[in-house]
C-alpha atoms as a PDB file:
ATOM      1  CA  MET A   1     107.674  82.681  68.449  1.00  0.00           C
ATOM      2  CA  ASP A   2     108.122  85.481  70.690  1.00  0.00           C
ATOM      3  CA  THR A   3     110.674  84.776  73.535  1.00  0.00           C
ATOM      4  CA  ILE A   4     108.724  85.124  76.337  1.00  0.00           C
ATOM      5  CA  LYS A   5     105.791  82.781  74.970  1.00  0.00           C
ATOM      6  CA  THR A   6     108.669  80.247  74.067  1.00  0.00           C
ATOM      7  CA  LEU A   7     109.848  80.550  77.731  1.00  0.00           C
ATOM      8  CA  LEU A   8     106.265  80.329  79.401  1.00  0.00           C
ATOM      9  CA  THR A   9     105.052  77.522  76.590  1.00  0.00           C
ATOM     10  CA  ARG A  10     108.283  75.058  77.356  1.00  0.00           C
ATOM     11  CA  LYS A  11     107.296  71.808  78.513  1.00  0.00           C
ATOM     12  CA  SER A  12     109.093  68.451  78.160  1.00  0.00           C
ATOM     13  CA  SER A  13     107.548  65.873  76.008  1.00  0.00           C
ATOM     14  CA  PRO A  14     108.523  62.156  76.872  1.00  0.00           C
ATOM     15  CA  ARG A  15     107.480  60.547  73.726  1.00  0.00           C
ATOM     16  CA  LEU A  16     108.503  62.260  70.532  1.00  0.00           C
ATOM     17  CA  ASP A  17     108.491  61.396  66.574  1.00  0.00           C
ATOM     18  CA  GLU A  18     109.537  62.672  63.478  1.00  0.00           C
ATOM     19  CA  PRO A  19     110.010  65.254  62.204  1.00  0.00           C
ATOM     20  CA  SER A  20     113.125  66.701  63.832  1.00  0.00           C
ATOM     21  CA  PRO A  21     115.084  69.555  63.356  1.00  0.00           C
ATOM     22  CA  SER A  22     116.651  69.920  59.667  1.00  0.00           C
ATOM     23  CA  PRO A  23     120.231  70.457  59.317  1.00  0.00           C
ATOM     24  CA  GLU A  24     119.903  74.252  59.138  1.00  0.00           C
ATOM     25  CA  GLU A  25     117.860  74.592  61.896  1.00  0.00           C
ATOM     26  CA  LEU A  26     120.216  72.302  63.943  1.00  0.00           C
ATOM     27  CA  ASP A  27     122.810  74.742  63.055  1.00  0.00           C
ATOM     28  CA  LEU A  28     120.501  77.665  64.483  1.00  0.00           C
ATOM     29  CA  ILE A  29     119.922  75.430  67.580  1.00  0.00           C
ATOM     30  CA  PHE A  30     123.728  74.783  68.391  1.00  0.00           C
ATOM     31  CA  GLN A  31     124.471  78.492  67.851  1.00  0.00           C
ATOM     32  CA  SER A  32     122.316  79.292  70.447  1.00  0.00           C
ATOM     33  CA  ALA A  33     123.723  76.497  72.555  1.00  0.00           C
ATOM     34  CA  LEU A  34     126.914  78.498  72.315  1.00  0.00           C
ATOM     35  CA  ARG A  35     125.638  81.681  73.496  1.00  0.00           C
ATOM     36  CA  ALA A  36     125.115  80.422  77.121  1.00  0.00           C
ATOM     37  CA  PRO A  37     126.831  82.355  79.742  1.00  0.00           C
ATOM     38  CA  ASP A  38     130.482  81.243  79.599  1.00  0.00           C
ATOM     39  CA  HIS A  39     133.151  83.083  82.191  1.00  0.00           C
ATOM     40  CA  ALA A  40     136.120  83.366  80.997  1.00  0.00           C
ATOM     41  CA  ALA A  41     135.362  82.087  77.349  1.00  0.00           C
ATOM     42  CA  LEU A  42     136.396  78.854  78.415  1.00  0.00           C
ATOM     43  CA  LYS A  43     133.343  77.231  76.086  1.00  0.00           C
ATOM     44  CA  PRO A  44     133.239  74.262  78.587  1.00  0.00           C
ATOM     45  CA  TRP A  45     130.934  72.171  76.530  1.00  0.00           C
ATOM     46  CA  LYS A  46     130.838  69.548  73.885  1.00  0.00           C
ATOM     47  CA  PHE A  47     127.265  68.078  71.954  1.00  0.00           C
ATOM     48  CA  ILE A  48     127.172  64.741  70.513  1.00  0.00           C
ATOM     49  CA  LYS A  49     124.480  64.499  68.003  1.00  0.00           C
ATOM     50  CA  VAL A  50     122.898  60.968  67.531  1.00  0.00           C
ATOM     51  CA  SER A  51     120.250  60.072  65.126  1.00  0.00           C
ATOM     52  CA  GLY A  52     119.431  57.510  62.866  1.00  0.00           C
ATOM     53  CA  GLU A  53     121.778  54.370  63.023  1.00  0.00           C
ATOM     54  CA  GLY A  54     123.773  56.517  65.679  1.00  0.00           C
ATOM     55  CA  ARG A  55     121.123  55.511  68.315  1.00  0.00           C
ATOM     56  CA  GLY A  56     122.001  51.905  68.169  1.00  0.00           C
ATOM     57  CA  LYS A  57     125.691  53.084  68.816  1.00  0.00           C
ATOM     58  CA  LEU A  58     124.442  54.997  71.775  1.00  0.00           C
ATOM     59  CA  ALA A  59     122.046  52.079  73.215  1.00  0.00           C
ATOM     60  CA  LYS A  60     125.165  49.579  73.018  1.00  0.00           C
ATOM     61  CA  ALA A  61     127.338  52.173  74.768  1.00  0.00           C
ATOM     62  CA  SER A  62     124.910  53.042  77.244  1.00  0.00           C
ATOM     63  CA  LEU A  63     124.456  49.072  78.444  1.00  0.00           C
ATOM     64  CA  GLU A  64     127.925  48.319  78.316  1.00  0.00           C
ATOM     65  CA  ALA A  65     128.787  51.153  80.443  1.00  0.00           C
ATOM     66  CA  LEU A  66     126.007  50.383  82.846  1.00  0.00           C
ATOM     67  CA  LYS A  67     127.080  46.996  82.946  1.00  0.00           C
ATOM     68  CA  LYS A  68     130.233  48.173  84.529  1.00  0.00           C
ATOM     69  CA  ILE A  69     128.555  50.703  86.815  1.00  0.00           C
ATOM     70  CA  ASN A  70     125.772  48.751  88.082  1.00  0.00           C
ATOM     71  CA  PRO A  71     125.546  44.798  86.455  1.00  0.00           C
ATOM     72  CA  SER A  72     122.104  44.026  88.353  1.00  0.00           C
ATOM     73  CA  LYS A  73     120.676  47.137  87.183  1.00  0.00           C
ATOM     74  CA  ALA A  74     121.977  46.647  83.531  1.00  0.00           C
ATOM     75  CA  ASN A  75     120.731  42.856  83.528  1.00  0.00           C
ATOM     76  CA  GLU A  76     117.271  43.804  84.971  1.00  0.00           C
ATOM     77  CA  ASN A  77     116.587  46.693  82.398  1.00  0.00           C
ATOM     78  CA  GLU A  78     118.914  45.965  79.237  1.00  0.00           C
ATOM     79  CA  GLU A  79     115.937  46.133  77.011  1.00  0.00           C
ATOM     80  CA  LYS A  80     114.832  49.337  78.475  1.00  0.00           C
ATOM     81  CA  ILE A  81     118.239  50.441  77.934  1.00  0.00           C
ATOM     82  CA  LEU A  82     118.431  49.381  74.316  1.00  0.00           C
ATOM     83  CA  ASN A  83     115.250  50.893  73.235  1.00  0.00           C
ATOM     84  CA  ALA A  84     115.787  54.147  75.224  1.00  0.00           C
ATOM     85  CA  PRO A  85     117.403  55.888  72.317  1.00  0.00           C
ATOM     86  CA  TYR A  86     114.490  55.354  69.865  1.00  0.00           C
ATOM     87  CA  ARG A  87     112.053  57.288  72.136  1.00  0.00           C
ATOM     88  CA  ALA A  88     113.155  60.221  69.979  1.00  0.00           C
ATOM     89  CA  PRO A  89     114.192  60.916  66.208  1.00  0.00           C
ATOM     90  CA  LEU A  90     117.263  63.132  67.998  1.00  0.00           C
ATOM     91  CA  ILE A  91     119.414  62.897  70.875  1.00  0.00           C
ATOM     92  CA  ILE A  92     122.118  65.539  71.668  1.00  0.00           C
ATOM     93  CA  ILE A  93     124.150  64.269  74.458  1.00  0.00           C
ATOM     94  CA  VAL A  94     125.281  67.452  76.243  1.00  0.00           C
ATOM     95  CA  VAL A  95     129.192  67.147  77.892  1.00  0.00           C
ATOM     96  CA  ALA A  96     130.528  69.454  80.509  1.00  0.00           C
ATOM     97  CA  SER A  97     134.201  69.567  79.412  1.00  0.00           C
ATOM     98  CA  ILE A  98     135.795  70.854  82.260  1.00  0.00           C
ATOM     99  CA  LYS A  99     139.012  73.228  81.861  1.00  0.00           C
ATOM    100  CA  ASP A 100     141.573  73.443  84.598  1.00  0.00           C
ATOM    101  CA  HIS A 101     141.486  77.455  85.169  1.00  0.00           C
ATOM    102  CA  HIS A 102     142.551  79.375  88.250  1.00  0.00           C
ATOM    103  CA  ILE A 103     139.570  81.346  88.791  1.00  0.00           C
ATOM    104  CA  VAL A 104     136.623  79.703  87.139  1.00  0.00           C
ATOM    105  CA  PRO A 105     135.609  76.325  89.492  1.00  0.00           C
ATOM    106  CA  ASP A 106     134.389  73.173  87.773  1.00  0.00           C
ATOM    107  CA  ILE A 107     130.829  73.623  89.261  1.00  0.00           C
ATOM    108  CA  GLU A 108     130.592  76.867  87.249  1.00  0.00           C
ATOM    109  CA  GLN A 109     131.721  75.118  83.901  1.00  0.00           C
ATOM    110  CA  ILE A 110     129.170  72.428  84.524  1.00  0.00           C
ATOM    111  CA  LEU A 111     126.661  74.769  85.205  1.00  0.00           C
ATOM    112  CA  SER A 112     127.332  76.661  81.900  1.00  0.00           C
ATOM    113  CA  ALA A 113     127.156  73.481  79.946  1.00  0.00           C
ATOM    114  CA  GLY A 114     123.534  73.148  81.362  1.00  0.00           C
ATOM    115  CA  ALA A 115     122.827  76.566  80.475  1.00  0.00           C
ATOM    116  CA  ALA A 116     123.758  75.584  76.942  1.00  0.00           C
ATOM    117  CA  ALA A 117     121.513  72.296  77.174  1.00  0.00           C
ATOM    118  CA  GLN A 118     118.504  74.756  78.237  1.00  0.00           C
ATOM    119  CA  ASN A 119     119.175  77.099  75.111  1.00  0.00           C
ATOM    120  CA  ILE A 120     119.080  73.990  72.888  1.00  0.00           C
ATOM    121  CA  LEU A 121     115.759  73.173  74.316  1.00  0.00           C
ATOM    122  CA  ILE A 122     114.418  76.629  74.172  1.00  0.00           C
ATOM    123  CA  ALA A 123     115.766  76.960  70.453  1.00  0.00           C
ATOM    124  CA  ALA A 124     114.060  73.583  69.598  1.00  0.00           C
ATOM    125  CA  HIS A 125     110.706  74.884  71.376  1.00  0.00           C
ATOM    126  CA  SER A 126     110.899  78.289  69.312  1.00  0.00           C
ATOM    127  CA  MET A 127     110.745  76.021  65.979  1.00  0.00           C
ATOM    128  CA  GLY A 128     108.034  74.029  66.799  1.00  0.00           C
ATOM    129  CA  TYR A 129     109.925  70.655  67.968  1.00  0.00           C
ATOM    130  CA  SER A 130     109.386  69.416  71.508  1.00  0.00           C
ATOM    131  CA  GLY A 131     112.152  67.639  74.058  1.00  0.00           C
ATOM    132  CA  ILE A 132     112.804  66.309  77.291  1.00  0.00           C
ATOM    133  CA  TRP A 133     116.306  66.285  79.412  1.00  0.00           C
ATOM    134  CA  ARG A 134     116.863  63.038  80.573  1.00  0.00           C
ATOM    135  CA  THR A 135     119.881  61.988  82.942  1.00  0.00           C
ATOM    136  CA  GLY A 136     119.580  59.021  84.918  1.00  0.00           C
ATOM    137  CA  LEU A 137     122.445  56.416  85.528  1.00  0.00           C
ATOM    138  CA  ILE A 138     124.148  56.997  82.366  1.00  0.00           C
ATOM    139  CA  SER A 139     125.238  60.727  83.158  1.00  0.00           C
ATOM    140  CA  PHE A 140     127.748  62.096  85.636  1.00  0.00           C
ATOM    141  CA  ASN A 141     130.109  59.149  85.774  1.00  0.00           C
ATOM    142  CA  LYS A 142     133.448  58.320  84.448  1.00  0.00           C
ATOM    143  CA  GLU A 143     132.455  54.842  83.077  1.00  0.00           C
ATOM    144  CA  ILE A 144     129.852  56.444  80.525  1.00  0.00           C
ATOM    145  CA  SER A 145     132.562  59.158  79.370  1.00  0.00           C
ATOM    146  CA  ARG A 146     134.981  56.596  78.428  1.00  0.00           C
ATOM    147  CA  SER A 147     132.167  54.441  76.633  1.00  0.00           C
ATOM    148  CA  PHE A 148     131.618  57.563  74.531  1.00  0.00           C
ATOM    149  CA  ASP A 149     135.498  57.829  74.163  1.00  0.00           C
ATOM    150  CA  LEU A 150     135.585  61.292  76.026  1.00  0.00           C
ATOM    151  CA  ASP A 151     138.440  62.850  77.409  1.00  0.00           C
ATOM    152  CA  ASP A 152     139.110  62.644  81.271  1.00  0.00           C
ATOM    153  CA  ASN A 153     137.907  66.084  81.952  1.00  0.00           C
ATOM    154  CA  ASP A 154     134.663  65.394  80.335  1.00  0.00           C
ATOM    155  CA  VAL A 155     131.109  64.631  82.209  1.00  0.00           C
ATOM    156  CA  VAL A 156     127.929  63.811  80.658  1.00  0.00           C
ATOM    157  CA  ILE A 157     125.234  65.939  82.039  1.00  0.00           C
ATOM    158  CA  GLY A 158     122.443  65.148  79.952  1.00  0.00           C
ATOM    159  CA  TYR A 159     120.609  63.421  77.050  1.00  0.00           C
ATOM    160  CA  LEU A 160     118.063  66.199  75.078  1.00  0.00           C
ATOM    161  CA  TYR A 161     115.417  64.016  73.174  1.00  0.00           C
ATOM    162  CA  ILE A 162     114.510  66.231  70.305  1.00  0.00           C
ATOM    163  CA  GLY A 163     111.432  65.600  67.721  1.00  0.00           C
ATOM    164  CA  THR A 164     107.566  66.361  67.471  1.00  0.00           C
ATOM    165  CA  SER A 165     105.378  65.426  70.286  1.00  0.00           C
ATOM    166  CA  GLU A 166     103.451  62.301  69.527  1.00  0.00           C
ATOM    167  CA  LYS A 167     100.252  64.172  71.389  1.00  0.00           C
ATOM    168  CA  GLU A 168      99.041  67.979  71.743  1.00  0.00           C
ATOM    169  CA  MET A 169     100.759  69.146  75.085  1.00  0.00           C
ATOM    170  CA  THR A 170      98.741  70.985  77.910  1.00  0.00           C
ATOM    171  CA  LEU A 171     100.952  73.099  80.082  1.00  0.00           C
ATOM    172  CA  PRO A 172     101.126  72.451  84.088  1.00  0.00           C
ATOM    173  CA  PRO A 173      99.133  74.805  86.312  1.00  0.00           C
ATOM    174  CA  LYS A 174     100.723  78.284  86.674  1.00  0.00           C
ATOM    175  CA  SER A 175     102.768  78.428  89.628  1.00  0.00           C
ATOM    176  CA  ASN A 176     102.547  81.352  91.988  1.00  0.00           C
ATOM    177  CA  ILE A 177     106.049  82.944  92.202  1.00  0.00           C
ATOM    178  CA  ASN A 178     105.422  84.063  95.653  1.00  0.00           C
ATOM    179  CA  ASP A 179     106.265  80.297  96.419  1.00  0.00           C
ATOM    180  CA  PHE A 180     109.777  80.618  94.906  1.00  0.00           C
ATOM    181  CA  VAL A 181     110.914  84.195  95.067  1.00  0.00           C
ATOM    182  CA  ILE A 182     112.341  85.575  98.282  1.00  0.00           C
ATOM    183  CA  ASN A 183     112.202  89.731  98.395  1.00  0.00           C
ATOM    184  CA  TRP A 184     114.765  91.810 100.167  1.00  0.00           C
ATOM    185  CA  ASP A 185     112.820  94.950  99.605  1.00  0.00           C
END
Protein backbone atom coordinates (compact mmCIF):
# COMPACT_ATOMS: atom_id res chain seq x y z
CA MET A 1 0.00 0.00 0.00
CA ASP A 2 1.24 3.51 -0.82
CA THR A 3 2.54 5.34 2.29
CA ILE A 4 0.23 8.36 2.06
CA LYS A 5 -2.79 6.16 1.35
CA THR A 6 -1.85 4.02 4.37
CA LEU A 7 -1.68 7.07 6.62
CA LEU A 8 -4.93 8.55 5.30
CA THR A 9 -6.93 5.31 5.57
CA ARG A 10 -5.83 4.03 8.98
CA LYS A 11 -8.61 4.01 11.54
CA SER A 12 -8.94 2.32 14.91
CA SER A 13 -11.02 -0.84 14.94
CA PRO A 14 -12.40 -1.92 18.34
CA ARG A 15 -13.37 -5.52 17.51
CA LEU A 16 -10.77 -7.72 15.89
CA ASP A 17 -10.65 -11.32 14.79
CA GLU A 18 -8.25 -13.73 13.09
CA PRO A 19 -6.18 -13.60 11.09
CA SER A 20 -3.43 -11.63 12.72
CA PRO A 21 0.05 -11.02 11.29
CA SER A 22 2.22 -14.05 10.54
CA PRO A 23 5.65 -14.40 12.20
CA GLU A 24 7.29 -12.98 9.06
CA GLU A 25 4.89 -10.03 9.00
CA LEU A 26 5.45 -9.45 12.73
CA ASP A 27 9.17 -9.28 12.11
CA LEU A 28 8.60 -6.47 9.60
CA ILE A 29 6.17 -4.75 11.97
CA PHE A 30 8.73 -4.79 14.80
CA GLN A 31 11.48 -3.64 12.42
CA SER A 32 9.19 -0.71 11.54
CA ALA A 33 8.77 0.10 15.24
CA LEU A 34 12.53 0.23 15.65
CA ARG A 35 12.73 2.99 13.02
CA ALA A 36 10.92 5.50 15.27
CA PRO A 37 12.67 8.79 16.05
CA ASP A 38 15.24 8.06 18.76
CA HIS A 39 17.39 10.88 20.13
CA ALA A 40 20.86 9.60 21.13
CA ALA A 41 19.98 6.10 19.86
CA LEU A 42 18.71 5.07 23.31
CA LYS A 43 16.11 2.62 21.95
CA PRO A 44 13.78 3.51 24.85
CA TRP A 45 11.18 0.84 24.24
CA LYS A 46 10.22 -2.75 24.81
CA PHE A 47 7.39 -4.72 23.27
CA ILE A 48 5.51 -7.60 24.87
CA LYS A 49 3.82 -9.80 22.27
CA VAL A 50 0.67 -11.39 23.65
CA SER A 51 -1.36 -14.02 21.78
CA GLY A 52 -2.97 -17.40 22.35
CA GLU A 53 -2.69 -18.52 25.99
CA GLY A 54 -0.73 -15.36 26.79
CA ARG A 55 -4.00 -13.42 26.69
CA GLY A 56 -5.13 -15.27 29.83
CA LYS A 57 -1.86 -14.38 31.53
CA LEU A 58 -2.40 -10.73 30.54
CA ALA A 59 -5.97 -10.79 31.87
CA LYS A 60 -4.90 -12.14 35.27
CA ALA A 61 -1.92 -9.79 35.58
CA SER A 62 -4.11 -6.80 34.67
CA LEU A 63 -6.77 -7.72 37.20
CA GLU A 64 -4.22 -8.25 39.98
CA ALA A 65 -2.57 -4.90 39.27
CA LEU A 66 -5.92 -3.11 39.12
CA LYS A 67 -6.92 -4.64 42.47
CA LYS A 68 -3.89 -2.87 43.99
CA ILE A 69 -4.46 0.40 42.12
CA ASN A 70 -8.22 0.70 42.52
CA PRO A 71 -9.91 -2.26 44.28
CA SER A 72 -13.47 -1.02 43.82
CA LYS A 73 -12.96 -0.42 40.08
CA ALA A 74 -11.40 -3.90 39.79
CA ASN A 75 -14.33 -5.53 41.55
CA GLU A 76 -17.02 -3.77 39.54
CA ASN A 77 -15.22 -4.42 36.21
CA GLU A 78 -13.68 -7.85 36.84
CA GLU A 79 -15.44 -9.62 33.97
CA LYS A 80 -14.65 -6.81 31.53
CA ILE A 81 -10.97 -6.82 32.58
CA LEU A 82 -10.69 -10.60 32.22
CA ASN A 83 -12.35 -10.56 28.78
CA ALA A 84 -10.49 -7.53 27.38
CA PRO A 85 -7.45 -9.41 26.00
CA TYR A 86 -9.75 -11.65 23.97
CA ARG A 87 -10.99 -8.74 21.83
CA ALA A 88 -8.08 -9.36 19.43
CA PRO A 89 -5.90 -12.30 18.42
CA LEU A 90 -2.73 -10.27 19.03
CA ILE A 91 -1.84 -7.60 21.57
CA ILE A 92 1.45 -5.76 21.60
CA ILE A 93 2.13 -4.05 24.91
CA VAL A 94 4.28 -0.99 24.29
CA VAL A 95 6.67 -0.09 27.08
CA ALA A 96 8.73 3.08 27.36
CA SER A 97 12.00 1.83 28.78
CA ILE A 98 13.40 5.08 30.12
CA LYS A 99 17.16 5.46 30.29
CA ASP A 100 18.94 7.89 32.61
CA HIS A 101 20.47 10.34 30.14
CA HIS A 102 21.98 13.80 30.60
CA ILE A 103 20.51 15.18 27.35
CA VAL A 104 17.36 13.17 26.55
CA PRO A 105 14.56 13.78 29.08
CA ASP A 106 12.08 11.09 30.13
CA ILE A 107 9.20 12.67 28.19
CA GLU A 108 11.18 12.55 24.95
CA GLN A 109 11.82 8.84 25.48
CA ILE A 110 8.12 8.24 26.18
CA LEU A 111 7.25 10.10 22.98
CA SER A 112 9.77 7.95 21.10
CA ALA A 113 8.02 4.81 22.37
CA GLY A 114 4.74 6.38 21.25
CA ALA A 115 6.19 6.92 17.78
CA ALA A 116 7.24 3.25 17.75
CA ALA A 117 3.65 2.31 18.64
CA GLN A 118 2.31 4.41 15.77
CA ASN A 119 4.79 2.75 13.41
CA ILE A 120 3.43 -0.64 14.51
CA LEU A 121 -0.15 0.41 13.76
CA ILE A 122 0.80 1.90 10.38
CA ALA A 123 2.87 -1.14 9.39
CA ALA A 124 0.06 -3.54 10.35
CA HIS A 125 -2.48 -1.44 8.43
CA SER A 126 -0.23 -1.41 5.36
CA MET A 127 -0.38 -5.23 5.44
CA GLY A 128 -4.18 -5.25 5.56
CA TYR A 129 -4.69 -5.63 9.33
CA SER A 130 -6.59 -3.39 11.70
CA GLY A 131 -5.73 -2.23 15.16
CA ILE A 132 -6.54 0.01 18.08
CA TRP A 133 -4.36 1.62 20.75
CA ARG A 134 -5.83 1.21 24.23
CA THR A 135 -4.64 2.64 27.54
CA GLY A 136 -6.83 3.13 30.62
CA LEU A 137 -6.11 2.24 34.23
CA ILE A 138 -3.60 -0.45 33.32
CA SER A 139 -1.21 2.02 31.68
CA PHE A 140 1.19 4.61 33.03
CA ASN A 141 1.62 3.21 36.53
CA LYS A 142 4.27 1.30 38.48
CA GLU A 143 1.88 -1.41 39.67
CA ILE A 144 1.15 -2.67 36.17
CA SER A 145 4.88 -2.59 35.37
CA ARG A 146 5.55 -4.76 38.44
CA SER A 147 2.69 -7.06 37.44
CA PHE A 148 4.45 -7.64 34.10
CA ASP A 149 7.87 -8.15 35.76
CA LEU A 150 9.24 -5.01 34.13
CA ASP A 151 12.11 -2.88 35.40
CA ASP A 152 11.52 0.17 37.61
CA ASN A 153 12.33 2.47 34.68
CA ASP A 154 9.71 0.81 32.43
CA VAL A 155 6.30 2.40 31.84
CA VAL A 156 3.48 0.69 29.94
CA ILE A 157 2.20 3.34 27.54
CA GLY A 158 -0.41 1.28 25.73
CA TYR A 159 -1.81 -1.92 24.33
CA LEU A 160 -2.01 -2.33 20.56
CA TYR A 161 -4.80 -4.76 19.70
CA ILE A 162 -4.16 -6.12 16.20
CA GLY A 163 -6.10 -8.46 13.91
CA THR A 164 -8.71 -8.31 11.18
CA SER A 165 -11.69 -6.00 11.60
CA GLU A 166 -14.98 -7.82 12.17
CA LYS A 167 -16.76 -5.30 9.94
CA GLU A 168 -16.02 -3.04 7.00
CA MET A 169 -14.40 0.15 8.25
CA THR A 170 -15.65 3.53 7.10
CA LEU A 171 -13.45 6.57 7.41
CA PRO A 172 -14.51 9.52 9.55
CA PRO A 173 -15.31 12.81 7.80
CA LYS A 174 -12.22 14.57 6.51
CA SER A 175 -10.95 17.21 8.93
CA ASN A 176 -10.22 20.76 7.87
CA ILE A 177 -6.47 21.23 8.33
CA ASN A 178 -7.04 24.96 8.97
CA ASP A 179 -8.64 24.00 12.29
CA PHE A 180 -5.30 22.57 13.44
CA VAL A 181 -2.54 24.40 11.57
CA ILE A 182 -1.27 27.83 12.55
CA ASN A 183 0.55 29.55 9.69
CA TRP A 184 3.41 31.91 10.36
CA ASP A 185 3.98 32.71 6.69
